[in-house]
C-alpha atoms as a PDB file:
ATOM      1  CA  MET A   1     -80.155  -2.092  -4.972  1.00  0.00           C
ATOM      2  CA  GLU A   2     -78.018  -3.352  -2.102  1.00  0.00           C
ATOM      3  CA  THR A   3     -74.469  -4.583  -2.278  1.00  0.00           C
ATOM      4  CA  SER A   4     -72.348  -6.395   0.297  1.00  0.00           C
ATOM      5  CA  GLU A   5     -68.927  -5.169   1.344  1.00  0.00           C
ATOM      6  CA  THR A   6     -67.698  -8.761   1.706  1.00  0.00           C
ATOM      7  CA  SER A   7     -69.466 -10.415  -1.230  1.00  0.00           C
ATOM      8  CA  PRO A   8     -69.899  -8.315  -4.383  1.00  0.00           C
ATOM      9  CA  ARG A   9     -72.937  -9.185  -6.476  1.00  0.00           C
ATOM     10  CA  ILE A  10     -70.934  -8.956  -9.716  1.00  0.00           C
ATOM     11  CA  LEU A  11     -67.364 -10.059 -10.423  1.00  0.00           C
ATOM     12  CA  THR A  12     -65.457  -8.346 -13.235  1.00  0.00           C
ATOM     13  CA  ILE A  13     -62.710 -10.543 -14.685  1.00  0.00           C
ATOM     14  CA  GLY A  14     -60.039  -9.317 -17.075  1.00  0.00           C
ATOM     15  CA  THR A  15     -57.103  -6.951 -17.365  1.00  0.00           C
ATOM     16  CA  VAL A  16     -55.798  -3.712 -15.881  1.00  0.00           C
ATOM     17  CA  PHE A  17     -53.994  -1.615 -18.495  1.00  0.00           C
ATOM     18  CA  ILE A  18     -51.992   1.546 -18.123  1.00  0.00           C
ATOM     19  CA  ASP A  19     -52.640   3.589 -21.265  1.00  0.00           C
ATOM     20  CA  ASP A  20     -50.400   6.259 -22.742  1.00  0.00           C
ATOM     21  CA  ILE A  21     -52.750   8.091 -25.101  1.00  0.00           C
ATOM     22  CA  VAL A  22     -51.722  10.044 -28.206  1.00  0.00           C
ATOM     23  CA  TYR A  23     -54.438  12.233 -29.749  1.00  0.00           C
ATOM     24  CA  PRO A  24     -54.616  13.288 -33.423  1.00  0.00           C
ATOM     25  CA  ASP A  25     -53.407  16.819 -32.620  1.00  0.00           C
ATOM     26  CA  GLY A  26     -50.257  15.445 -30.973  1.00  0.00           C
ATOM     27  CA  GLN A  27     -51.347  15.936 -27.392  1.00  0.00           C
ATOM     28  CA  THR A  28     -50.587  13.071 -25.025  1.00  0.00           C
ATOM     29  CA  ARG A  29     -51.977  11.835 -21.748  1.00  0.00           C
ATOM     30  CA  MET A  30     -49.704   9.441 -19.925  1.00  0.00           C
ATOM     31  CA  GLY A  31     -50.384   6.845 -17.237  1.00  0.00           C
ATOM     32  CA  VAL A  32     -54.143   6.620 -17.719  1.00  0.00           C
ATOM     33  CA  LEU A  33     -55.841   3.817 -15.796  1.00  0.00           C
ATOM     34  CA  GLY A  34     -57.594   1.453 -18.187  1.00  0.00           C
ATOM     35  CA  GLY A  35     -58.272  -2.168 -19.065  1.00  0.00           C
ATOM     36  CA  GLY A  36     -61.527  -3.861 -19.962  1.00  0.00           C
ATOM     37  CA  ALA A  37     -62.342  -5.152 -16.488  1.00  0.00           C
ATOM     38  CA  ILE A  38     -61.818  -1.724 -14.939  1.00  0.00           C
ATOM     39  CA  HIS A  39     -63.809   0.200 -17.531  1.00  0.00           C
ATOM     40  CA  ALA A  40     -66.600  -2.331 -17.024  1.00  0.00           C
ATOM     41  CA  ALA A  41     -66.438  -1.796 -13.265  1.00  0.00           C
ATOM     42  CA  ALA A  42     -67.084   1.924 -13.831  1.00  0.00           C
ATOM     43  CA  GLY A  43     -70.186   1.018 -15.838  1.00  0.00           C
ATOM     44  CA  MET A  44     -71.409  -1.168 -12.993  1.00  0.00           C
ATOM     45  CA  ALA A  45     -70.589   1.397 -10.306  1.00  0.00           C
ATOM     46  CA  LEU A  46     -72.620   4.050 -12.141  1.00  0.00           C
ATOM     47  CA  TRP A  47     -75.694   1.927 -11.358  1.00  0.00           C
ATOM     48  CA  GLY A  48     -74.899   1.400  -7.693  1.00  0.00           C
ATOM     49  CA  GLU A  49     -72.823  -1.776  -7.821  1.00  0.00           C
ATOM     50  CA  HIS A  50     -69.443  -2.259  -6.116  1.00  0.00           C
ATOM     51  CA  PRO A  51     -68.087  -5.151  -8.179  1.00  0.00           C
ATOM     52  CA  GLY A  52     -65.334  -7.516  -7.198  1.00  0.00           C
ATOM     53  CA  LEU A  53     -62.220  -6.758  -9.249  1.00  0.00           C
ATOM     54  CA  ALA A  54     -60.801 -10.129 -10.332  1.00  0.00           C
ATOM     55  CA  VAL A  55     -57.610  -8.794 -11.928  1.00  0.00           C
ATOM     56  CA  ARG A  56     -53.835  -9.061 -11.664  1.00  0.00           C
ATOM     57  CA  LEU A  57     -51.444  -6.205 -10.941  1.00  0.00           C
ATOM     58  CA  GLY A  58     -47.750  -6.088 -11.716  1.00  0.00           C
ATOM     59  CA  THR A  59     -44.938  -3.649 -10.991  1.00  0.00           C
ATOM     60  CA  GLY A  60     -44.387  -0.064 -12.115  1.00  0.00           C
ATOM     61  CA  LEU A  61     -47.894   1.138 -11.316  1.00  0.00           C
ATOM     62  CA  PRO A  62     -48.908   4.744 -10.641  1.00  0.00           C
ATOM     63  CA  PRO A  63     -48.665   5.433  -6.880  1.00  0.00           C
ATOM     64  CA  ASP A  64     -52.375   6.140  -6.428  1.00  0.00           C
ATOM     65  CA  ILE A  65     -53.582   3.015  -8.249  1.00  0.00           C
ATOM     66  CA  MET A  66     -55.150   1.181  -5.307  1.00  0.00           C
ATOM     67  CA  GLY A  67     -57.173   4.188  -4.228  1.00  0.00           C
ATOM     68  CA  ARG A  68     -58.472   4.664  -7.768  1.00  0.00           C
ATOM     69  CA  LEU A  69     -59.383   1.000  -8.061  1.00  0.00           C
ATOM     70  CA  ALA A  70     -61.079   0.942  -4.651  1.00  0.00           C
ATOM     71  CA  ARG A  71     -63.372   3.742  -5.798  1.00  0.00           C
ATOM     72  CA  LEU A  72     -64.612   1.475  -8.604  1.00  0.00           C
ATOM     73  CA  GLY A  73     -64.879  -1.872  -6.819  1.00  0.00           C
ATOM     74  CA  ASP A  74     -63.736  -4.315  -4.158  1.00  0.00           C
ATOM     75  CA  THR A  75     -59.962  -4.800  -4.432  1.00  0.00           C
ATOM     76  CA  SER A  76     -59.630  -7.797  -2.089  1.00  0.00           C
ATOM     77  CA  GLY A  77     -59.599 -10.192  -5.065  1.00  0.00           C
ATOM     78  CA  ILE A  78     -56.588  -8.593  -6.748  1.00  0.00           C
ATOM     79  CA  SER A  79     -53.514 -10.810  -7.114  1.00  0.00           C
ATOM     80  CA  ARG A  80     -49.938  -9.674  -7.744  1.00  0.00           C
ATOM     81  CA  LEU A  81     -47.363 -10.616 -10.366  1.00  0.00           C
ATOM     82  CA  GLU A  82     -43.649  -9.810 -10.335  1.00  0.00           C
ATOM     83  CA  LEU A  83     -43.849  -8.576 -13.923  1.00  0.00           C
ATOM     84  CA  PRO A  84     -44.084  -5.070 -15.388  1.00  0.00           C
ATOM     85  CA  GLN A  85     -47.715  -3.994 -15.529  1.00  0.00           C
ATOM     86  CA  VAL A  86     -49.282  -4.145 -18.990  1.00  0.00           C
ATOM     87  CA  ARG A  87     -48.837  -0.748 -20.609  1.00  0.00           C
ATOM     88  CA  ALA A  88     -49.624   0.400 -24.138  1.00  0.00           C
ATOM     89  CA  TRP A  89     -49.628   3.373 -26.453  1.00  0.00           C
ATOM     90  CA  GLN A  90     -53.182   4.159 -27.558  1.00  0.00           C
ATOM     91  CA  ILE A  91     -52.864   6.167 -30.775  1.00  0.00           C
ATOM     92  CA  PHE A  92     -55.983   7.884 -32.098  1.00  0.00           C
ATOM     93  CA  GLU A  93     -56.353   9.001 -35.713  1.00  0.00           C
ATOM     94  CA  GLU A  94     -58.518  11.795 -37.112  1.00  0.00           C
ATOM     95  CA  ASP A  95     -61.153   9.325 -38.305  1.00  0.00           C
ATOM     96  CA  GLY A  96     -61.618   7.938 -34.782  1.00  0.00           C
ATOM     97  CA  THR A  97     -59.687   4.720 -35.308  1.00  0.00           C
ATOM     98  CA  ARG A  98     -57.309   3.586 -32.574  1.00  0.00           C
ATOM     99  CA  ARG A  99     -54.086   1.607 -32.687  1.00  0.00           C
ATOM    100  CA  GLU A 100     -52.716  -0.139 -29.616  1.00  0.00           C
ATOM    101  CA  LEU A 101     -48.964  -0.666 -29.313  1.00  0.00           C
ATOM    102  CA  LEU A 102     -47.866  -2.710 -26.313  1.00  0.00           C
ATOM    103  CA  ARG A 103     -44.954  -1.349 -24.287  1.00  0.00           C
ATOM    104  CA  VAL A 104     -44.192  -4.552 -22.357  1.00  0.00           C
ATOM    105  CA  GLY A 105     -43.071  -7.984 -23.465  1.00  0.00           C
ATOM    106  CA  VAL A 106     -45.276 -10.183 -21.263  1.00  0.00           C
ATOM    107  CA  VAL A 107     -49.032  -9.740 -21.520  1.00  0.00           C
ATOM    108  CA  ALA A 108     -50.726 -13.146 -21.269  1.00  0.00           C
ATOM    109  CA  PRO A 109     -50.694 -13.587 -17.445  1.00  0.00           C
ATOM    110  CA  PHE A 110     -52.496 -10.253 -17.074  1.00  0.00           C
ATOM    111  CA  ARG A 111     -54.911 -10.758 -19.959  1.00  0.00           C
ATOM    112  CA  ASP A 112     -55.870 -14.233 -18.689  1.00  0.00           C
ATOM    113  CA  GLY A 113     -57.038 -12.839 -15.365  1.00  0.00           C
ATOM    114  CA  PRO A 114     -56.609 -14.715 -12.070  1.00  0.00           C
ATOM    115  CA  PRO A 115     -57.893 -18.286 -11.802  1.00  0.00           C
ATOM    116  CA  PRO A 116     -61.015 -18.784  -9.687  1.00  0.00           C
ATOM    117  CA  ASN A 117     -59.108 -20.298  -6.748  1.00  0.00           C
ATOM    118  CA  PHE A 118     -57.218 -17.008  -6.293  1.00  0.00           C
ATOM    119  CA  LEU A 119     -60.411 -15.203  -5.278  1.00  0.00           C
ATOM    120  CA  PRO A 120     -62.091 -15.013  -1.861  1.00  0.00           C
ATOM    121  CA  GLN A 121     -64.329 -18.060  -1.488  1.00  0.00           C
ATOM    122  CA  THR A 122     -67.213 -15.857  -0.361  1.00  0.00           C
ATOM    123  CA  TRP A 123     -67.068 -14.128  -3.762  1.00  0.00           C
ATOM    124  CA  LEU A 124     -67.458 -17.398  -5.605  1.00  0.00           C
ATOM    125  CA  ARG A 125     -70.214 -18.558  -3.281  1.00  0.00           C
ATOM    126  CA  ASP A 126     -72.275 -15.367  -3.390  1.00  0.00           C
ATOM    127  CA  ALA A 127     -71.709 -13.945  -6.902  1.00  0.00           C
ATOM    128  CA  LYS A 128     -74.971 -13.254  -8.736  1.00  0.00           C
ATOM    129  CA  ALA A 129     -73.356 -12.456 -12.105  1.00  0.00           C
ATOM    130  CA  LEU A 130     -69.974 -12.479 -13.848  1.00  0.00           C
ATOM    131  CA  TYR A 131     -68.540 -10.139 -16.467  1.00  0.00           C
ATOM    132  CA  MET A 132     -65.575 -11.552 -18.384  1.00  0.00           C
ATOM    133  CA  VAL A 133     -63.393  -9.864 -20.980  1.00  0.00           C
ATOM    134  CA  ILE A 134     -61.153 -12.848 -21.712  1.00  0.00           C
ATOM    135  CA  ASP A 135     -60.407 -15.396 -24.431  1.00  0.00           C
ATOM    136  CA  GLY A 136     -62.149 -18.696 -25.045  1.00  0.00           C
ATOM    137  CA  GLN A 137     -59.787 -20.871 -23.016  1.00  0.00           C
ATOM    138  CA  ASN A 138     -60.079 -18.734 -19.899  1.00  0.00           C
ATOM    139  CA  PHE A 139     -63.808 -18.320 -20.410  1.00  0.00           C
ATOM    140  CA  SER A 140     -64.147 -22.118 -20.365  1.00  0.00           C
ATOM    141  CA  ARG A 141     -62.240 -22.294 -17.092  1.00  0.00           C
ATOM    142  CA  TRP A 142     -64.557 -19.826 -15.411  1.00  0.00           C
ATOM    143  CA  ALA A 143     -67.788 -21.138 -16.903  1.00  0.00           C
ATOM    144  CA  GLY A 144     -67.013 -24.603 -15.588  1.00  0.00           C
ATOM    145  CA  THR A 145     -66.319 -23.295 -12.086  1.00  0.00           C
ATOM    146  CA  LEU A 146     -69.611 -21.454 -11.593  1.00  0.00           C
ATOM    147  CA  PRO A 147     -72.020 -23.189 -13.986  1.00  0.00           C
ATOM    148  CA  ASP A 148     -75.179 -21.694 -12.455  1.00  0.00           C
ATOM    149  CA  THR A 149     -74.036 -18.058 -12.347  1.00  0.00           C
ATOM    150  CA  PRO A 150     -75.111 -15.829 -15.275  1.00  0.00           C
ATOM    151  CA  ILE A 151     -72.163 -14.687 -17.389  1.00  0.00           C
ATOM    152  CA  LEU A 152     -71.757 -11.754 -19.731  1.00  0.00           C
ATOM    153  CA  TRP A 153     -68.873 -12.751 -21.986  1.00  0.00           C
ATOM    154  CA  GLU A 154     -67.142 -10.004 -23.915  1.00  0.00           C
ATOM    155  CA  PRO A 155     -64.538 -11.968 -25.882  1.00  0.00           C
ATOM    156  CA  ASN A 156     -61.368  -9.916 -25.832  1.00  0.00           C
ATOM    157  CA  GLN A 157     -60.245  -8.291 -29.062  1.00  0.00           C
ATOM    158  CA  PRO A 158     -57.188 -10.493 -29.801  1.00  0.00           C
ATOM    159  CA  TYR A 159     -59.375 -13.603 -29.544  1.00  0.00           C
ATOM    160  CA  MET A 160     -61.980 -12.501 -32.079  1.00  0.00           C
ATOM    161  CA  VAL A 161     -60.281 -13.635 -35.263  1.00  0.00           C
ATOM    162  CA  THR A 162     -61.434 -16.006 -37.980  1.00  0.00           C
ATOM    163  CA  GLN A 163     -59.287 -18.925 -36.826  1.00  0.00           C
ATOM    164  CA  ASN A 164     -61.186 -18.969 -33.512  1.00  0.00           C
ATOM    165  CA  ALA A 165     -64.630 -18.975 -35.151  1.00  0.00           C
ATOM    166  CA  GLN A 166     -65.458 -22.639 -34.530  1.00  0.00           C
ATOM    167  CA  GLU A 167     -64.380 -22.473 -30.897  1.00  0.00           C
ATOM    168  CA  PHE A 168     -66.352 -19.270 -30.299  1.00  0.00           C
ATOM    169  CA  GLN A 169     -69.479 -20.795 -31.833  1.00  0.00           C
ATOM    170  CA  ARG A 170     -69.055 -23.859 -29.636  1.00  0.00           C
ATOM    171  CA  LEU A 171     -68.574 -21.832 -26.449  1.00  0.00           C
ATOM    172  CA  VAL A 172     -71.101 -19.045 -26.898  1.00  0.00           C
ATOM    173  CA  GLY A 173     -73.935 -21.156 -25.508  1.00  0.00           C
ATOM    174  CA  ARG A 174     -72.157 -21.320 -22.148  1.00  0.00           C
ATOM    175  CA  ALA A 175     -72.671 -17.573 -21.678  1.00  0.00           C
ATOM    176  CA  GLU A 176     -76.081 -16.205 -20.830  1.00  0.00           C
ATOM    177  CA  ILE A 177     -75.106 -12.953 -22.562  1.00  0.00           C
ATOM    178  CA  VAL A 178     -72.485 -12.448 -25.273  1.00  0.00           C
ATOM    179  CA  SER A 179     -71.481  -8.983 -26.475  1.00  0.00           C
ATOM    180  CA  PRO A 180     -68.867  -8.388 -29.200  1.00  0.00           C
ATOM    181  CA  ASN A 181     -68.613  -5.260 -31.320  1.00  0.00           C
ATOM    182  CA  LEU A 182     -69.594  -5.273 -34.985  1.00  0.00           C
ATOM    183  CA  ALA A 183     -66.113  -5.935 -36.410  1.00  0.00           C
ATOM    184  CA  GLU A 184     -65.475  -8.743 -33.931  1.00  0.00           C
ATOM    185  CA  ALA A 185     -68.800 -10.448 -34.655  1.00  0.00           C
ATOM    186  CA  ARG A 186     -68.148 -10.242 -38.399  1.00  0.00           C
ATOM    187  CA  SER A 187     -64.733 -11.845 -37.945  1.00  0.00           C
ATOM    188  CA  ILE A 188     -66.598 -14.920 -36.677  1.00  0.00           C
ATOM    189  CA  TYR A 189     -69.762 -14.993 -38.802  1.00  0.00           C
ATOM    190  CA  GLY A 190     -68.859 -13.013 -41.905  1.00  0.00           C
ATOM    191  CA  ASN A 191     -69.961  -9.660 -43.271  1.00  0.00           C
ATOM    192  CA  LEU A 192     -73.583  -9.848 -42.127  1.00  0.00           C
ATOM    193  CA  PRO A 193     -75.951  -7.095 -40.937  1.00  0.00           C
ATOM    194  CA  ALA A 194     -75.907  -6.562 -37.181  1.00  0.00           C
ATOM    195  CA  GLU A 195     -79.362  -8.095 -36.741  1.00  0.00           C
ATOM    196  CA  SER A 196     -78.210 -11.263 -38.494  1.00  0.00           C
ATOM    197  CA  LEU A 197     -75.151 -11.456 -36.261  1.00  0.00           C
ATOM    198  CA  VAL A 198     -77.385 -11.286 -33.197  1.00  0.00           C
ATOM    199  CA  THR A 199     -79.539 -14.071 -34.661  1.00  0.00           C
ATOM    200  CA  ALA A 200     -76.442 -16.193 -35.317  1.00  0.00           C
ATOM    201  CA  MET A 201     -75.234 -15.936 -31.720  1.00  0.00           C
ATOM    202  CA  LEU A 202     -78.688 -16.812 -30.401  1.00  0.00           C
ATOM    203  CA  ARG A 203     -78.785 -19.784 -32.756  1.00  0.00           C
ATOM    204  CA  ASP A 204     -75.430 -20.919 -31.386  1.00  0.00           C
ATOM    205  CA  GLY A 205     -76.815 -20.980 -27.855  1.00  0.00           C
ATOM    206  CA  ALA A 206     -76.608 -17.564 -26.186  1.00  0.00           C
ATOM    207  CA  GLU A 207     -79.722 -16.529 -24.239  1.00  0.00           C
ATOM    208  CA  VAL A 208     -79.046 -12.848 -24.970  1.00  0.00           C
ATOM    209  CA  ALA A 209     -76.843 -11.453 -27.760  1.00  0.00           C
ATOM    210  CA  VAL A 210     -75.602  -7.919 -28.310  1.00  0.00           C
ATOM    211  CA  VAL A 211     -73.706  -6.343 -31.186  1.00  0.00           C
ATOM    212  CA  ARG A 212     -72.176  -2.986 -30.282  1.00  0.00           C
ATOM    213  CA  LEU A 213     -72.155  -0.404 -33.083  1.00  0.00           C
ATOM    214  CA  GLY A 214     -70.157   2.471 -31.591  1.00  0.00           C
ATOM    215  CA  GLU A 215     -71.728   5.843 -32.354  1.00  0.00           C
ATOM    216  CA  ARG A 216     -74.747   4.055 -33.894  1.00  0.00           C
ATOM    217  CA  GLY A 217     -75.659   2.415 -30.585  1.00  0.00           C
ATOM    218  CA  SER A 218     -76.274  -1.313 -30.275  1.00  0.00           C
ATOM    219  CA  ILE A 219     -78.524  -4.164 -31.351  1.00  0.00           C
ATOM    220  CA  VAL A 220     -79.860  -6.527 -28.685  1.00  0.00           C
ATOM    221  CA  GLY A 221     -81.808  -9.739 -29.054  1.00  0.00           C
ATOM    222  CA  ALA A 222     -82.817 -12.657 -26.849  1.00  0.00           C
ATOM    223  CA  LYS A 223     -84.409 -16.042 -27.184  1.00  0.00           C
ATOM    224  CA  SER A 224     -87.317 -14.611 -25.196  1.00  0.00           C
ATOM    225  CA  MET A 225     -87.808 -11.753 -27.716  1.00  0.00           C
ATOM    226  CA  ARG A 226     -89.542 -11.801 -31.097  1.00  0.00           C
ATOM    227  CA  GLY A 227     -86.814  -9.817 -32.838  1.00  0.00           C
ATOM    228  CA  ALA A 228     -83.755  -7.671 -32.280  1.00  0.00           C
ATOM    229  CA  VAL A 229     -84.073  -4.109 -30.970  1.00  0.00           C
ATOM    230  CA  HIS A 230     -81.886  -1.146 -31.869  1.00  0.00           C
ATOM    231  CA  ILE A 231     -80.818   1.066 -28.963  1.00  0.00           C
ATOM    232  CA  PRO A 232     -79.456   4.433 -30.158  1.00  0.00           C
ATOM    233  CA  ALA A 233     -76.428   6.069 -28.590  1.00  0.00           C
ATOM    234  CA  VAL A 234     -77.042   8.962 -26.214  1.00  0.00           C
ATOM    235  CA  PRO A 235     -76.023  12.167 -28.026  1.00  0.00           C
ATOM    236  CA  VAL A 236     -73.032  13.611 -26.151  1.00  0.00           C
ATOM    237  CA  GLU A 237     -69.814  15.336 -27.155  1.00  0.00           C
ATOM    238  CA  VAL A 238     -67.277  12.586 -27.763  1.00  0.00           C
ATOM    239  CA  THR A 239     -63.856  13.110 -26.198  1.00  0.00           C
ATOM    240  CA  ASP A 240     -62.323   9.635 -25.858  1.00  0.00           C
ATOM    241  CA  ILE A 241     -63.863   6.317 -26.965  1.00  0.00           C
ATOM    242  CA  THR A 242     -61.356   4.130 -25.092  1.00  0.00           C
ATOM    243  CA  GLY A 243     -63.210   1.498 -23.076  1.00  0.00           C
ATOM    244  CA  ALA A 244     -66.697   2.494 -24.209  1.00  0.00           C
ATOM    245  CA  GLY A 245     -67.651  -1.067 -25.126  1.00  0.00           C
ATOM    246  CA  ASN A 246     -66.426  -2.388 -21.777  1.00  0.00           C
ATOM    247  CA  VAL A 247     -68.347   0.309 -19.912  1.00  0.00           C
ATOM    248  CA  TYR A 248     -71.454  -0.534 -21.942  1.00  0.00           C
ATOM    249  CA  ASN A 249     -71.175  -4.170 -20.948  1.00  0.00           C
ATOM    250  CA  GLY A 250     -70.626  -3.283 -17.303  1.00  0.00           C
ATOM    251  CA  GLY A 251     -73.808  -1.231 -17.338  1.00  0.00           C
ATOM    252  CA  PHE A 252     -75.585  -4.009 -19.235  1.00  0.00           C
ATOM    253  CA  ILE A 253     -74.827  -6.730 -16.689  1.00  0.00           C
ATOM    254  CA  ALA A 254     -75.855  -4.417 -13.840  1.00  0.00           C
ATOM    255  CA  GLY A 255     -79.121  -3.727 -15.654  1.00  0.00           C
ATOM    256  CA  TRP A 256     -79.681  -7.385 -16.432  1.00  0.00           C
ATOM    257  CA  LEU A 257     -79.132  -8.374 -12.806  1.00  0.00           C
ATOM    258  CA  GLU A 258     -81.517  -5.688 -11.578  1.00  0.00           C
ATOM    259  CA  THR A 259     -84.303  -5.916 -14.194  1.00  0.00           C
ATOM    260  CA  GLY A 260     -83.967  -9.207 -16.088  1.00  0.00           C
ATOM    261  CA  ASP A 261     -84.968  -7.245 -19.224  1.00  0.00           C
ATOM    262  CA  PRO A 262     -82.412  -7.348 -22.080  1.00  0.00           C
ATOM    263  CA  VAL A 263     -83.703  -4.140 -23.679  1.00  0.00           C
ATOM    264  CA  GLN A 264     -83.613  -2.202 -20.415  1.00  0.00           C
ATOM    265  CA  ALA A 265     -80.181  -3.658 -19.669  1.00  0.00           C
ATOM    266  CA  ALA A 266     -79.000  -2.378 -23.066  1.00  0.00           C
ATOM    267  CA  ARG A 267     -80.281   1.080 -22.125  1.00  0.00           C
ATOM    268  CA  TRP A 268     -78.341   0.951 -18.860  1.00  0.00           C
ATOM    269  CA  GLY A 269     -75.239   0.003 -20.825  1.00  0.00           C
ATOM    270  CA  THR A 270     -75.821   2.768 -23.348  1.00  0.00           C
ATOM    271  CA  VAL A 271     -76.164   5.379 -20.613  1.00  0.00           C
ATOM    272  CA  ALA A 272     -72.943   4.172 -18.995  1.00  0.00           C
ATOM    273  CA  ALA A 273     -71.086   4.331 -22.319  1.00  0.00           C
ATOM    274  CA  SER A 274     -72.240   7.926 -22.823  1.00  0.00           C
ATOM    275  CA  PHE A 275     -70.335   9.018 -19.716  1.00  0.00           C
ATOM    276  CA  CYS A 276     -67.275   7.093 -20.868  1.00  0.00           C
ATOM    277  CA  VAL A 277     -66.982   8.711 -24.304  1.00  0.00           C
ATOM    278  CA  GLU A 278     -67.308  12.265 -22.995  1.00  0.00           C
ATOM    279  CA  SER A 279     -64.492  11.740 -20.459  1.00  0.00           C
ATOM    280  CA  LEU A 280     -60.718  11.411 -20.657  1.00  0.00           C
ATOM    281  CA  GLY A 281     -59.821   8.022 -19.241  1.00  0.00           C
ATOM    282  CA  ILE A 282     -62.134   6.228 -16.830  1.00  0.00           C
ATOM    283  CA  PHE A 283     -64.984   8.496 -15.777  1.00  0.00           C
ATOM    284  CA  ASP A 284     -65.848   8.886 -12.089  1.00  0.00           C
ATOM    285  CA  PRO A 285     -69.126   6.985 -11.558  1.00  0.00           C
ATOM    286  CA  LEU A 286     -69.478   8.458  -8.072  1.00  0.00           C
ATOM    287  CA  ALA A 287     -69.063  12.128  -9.068  1.00  0.00           C
ATOM    288  CA  ALA A 288     -71.486  14.664  -7.612  1.00  0.00           C
ATOM    289  CA  GLY A 289     -74.644  14.978  -9.699  1.00  0.00           C
ATOM    290  CA  ILE A 290     -73.914  12.011 -11.976  1.00  0.00           C
ATOM    291  CA  ALA A 291     -76.882   9.948 -10.741  1.00  0.00           C
ATOM    292  CA  GLU A 292     -79.281  12.683 -11.825  1.00  0.00           C
ATOM    293  CA  LYS A 293     -77.666  12.875 -15.267  1.00  0.00           C
ATOM    294  CA  ARG A 294     -77.748   9.092 -15.485  1.00  0.00           C
ATOM    295  CA  ASP A 295     -81.476   8.963 -14.829  1.00  0.00           C
ATOM    296  CA  GLU A 296     -82.141  11.803 -17.260  1.00  0.00           C
ATOM    297  CA  ARG A 297     -80.289   9.969 -20.032  1.00  0.00           C
ATOM    298  CA  LEU A 298     -82.177   6.761 -19.270  1.00  0.00           C
ATOM    299  CA  ARG A 299     -85.476   8.615 -19.570  1.00  0.00           C
ATOM    300  CA  TRP A 300     -84.337  10.012 -22.927  1.00  0.00           C
ATOM    301  CA  LEU A 301     -83.647   6.488 -24.224  1.00  0.00           C
ATOM    302  CA  GLU A 302     -86.981   5.209 -22.963  1.00  0.00           C
ATOM    303  CA  LYS A 303     -88.706   8.115 -24.722  1.00  0.00           C
ATOM    304  CA  GLN A 304     -87.022   7.145 -28.017  1.00  0.00           C
ATOM    305  CA  ALA A 305     -88.624   3.723 -27.782  1.00  0.00           C
ATOM    306  CA  VAL A 306     -92.069   5.238 -27.258  1.00  0.00           C
ATOM    307  CA  GLN A 307     -91.635   7.625 -30.174  1.00  0.00           C
ATOM    308  CA  GLY A 308     -90.329   4.836 -32.401  1.00  0.00           C
END
């Protein structure tokens, strides 16, 4: 798969976070690069993409931030704000749950992502796919700008609440692919089985729908498929689940763009997520030997389908 240095095939739109992580045993890890758009970029880069990073940066960033971002994607679409960069405590409990406590007062301008006219015009002209981890209002803005470009919409966590259910159901048909996690999907459609949630999103207009199940993998369905398919998680030692869903979706959109097959795209996403959860912070998608491990894990997933 070929990518262009001037026109990335995929744009990743969302937020850069700086995470200060507290683990159940009291250990901490400060200043960890994070944010949905950046985790997703790692998932894309694992599969050979160099996505355009459509994000905003503020002040108070770690000194090596631009070099770290450039390793994951094209940084020429980044815009600057004279506000403290979004930073949060990420507190993990023994049962795997995570609480996020913001450490800054202003979040919305970062979470909204830059408007389309802030990006290089060649990006908008040449983009083959978009990944967005944003709310409904900002999703509408982007979907109207590039109506013919496939979108994977991962509605951000604060947006997926019951009071936004009608708006979400109205907008979901404007995304080719929609991918919430199980709790988020249930906040919109009620306490349904994952397969029923996939069916509901397809009924509301999505071409492809995914429900992410954490350690139980994911369920994927499409209008072109006869039923939903369960993709198991790759068995690895879990170290840190932060960003795993974003990484999954980054791998998914890369797989979708390359293969056009929703089940294979889900496998690509699952493989990407496996590297995320066994790493502290954002994993290095360009590390020595990772491509071989990636392909081995993909073969394992494909073998599960044959055995099933």
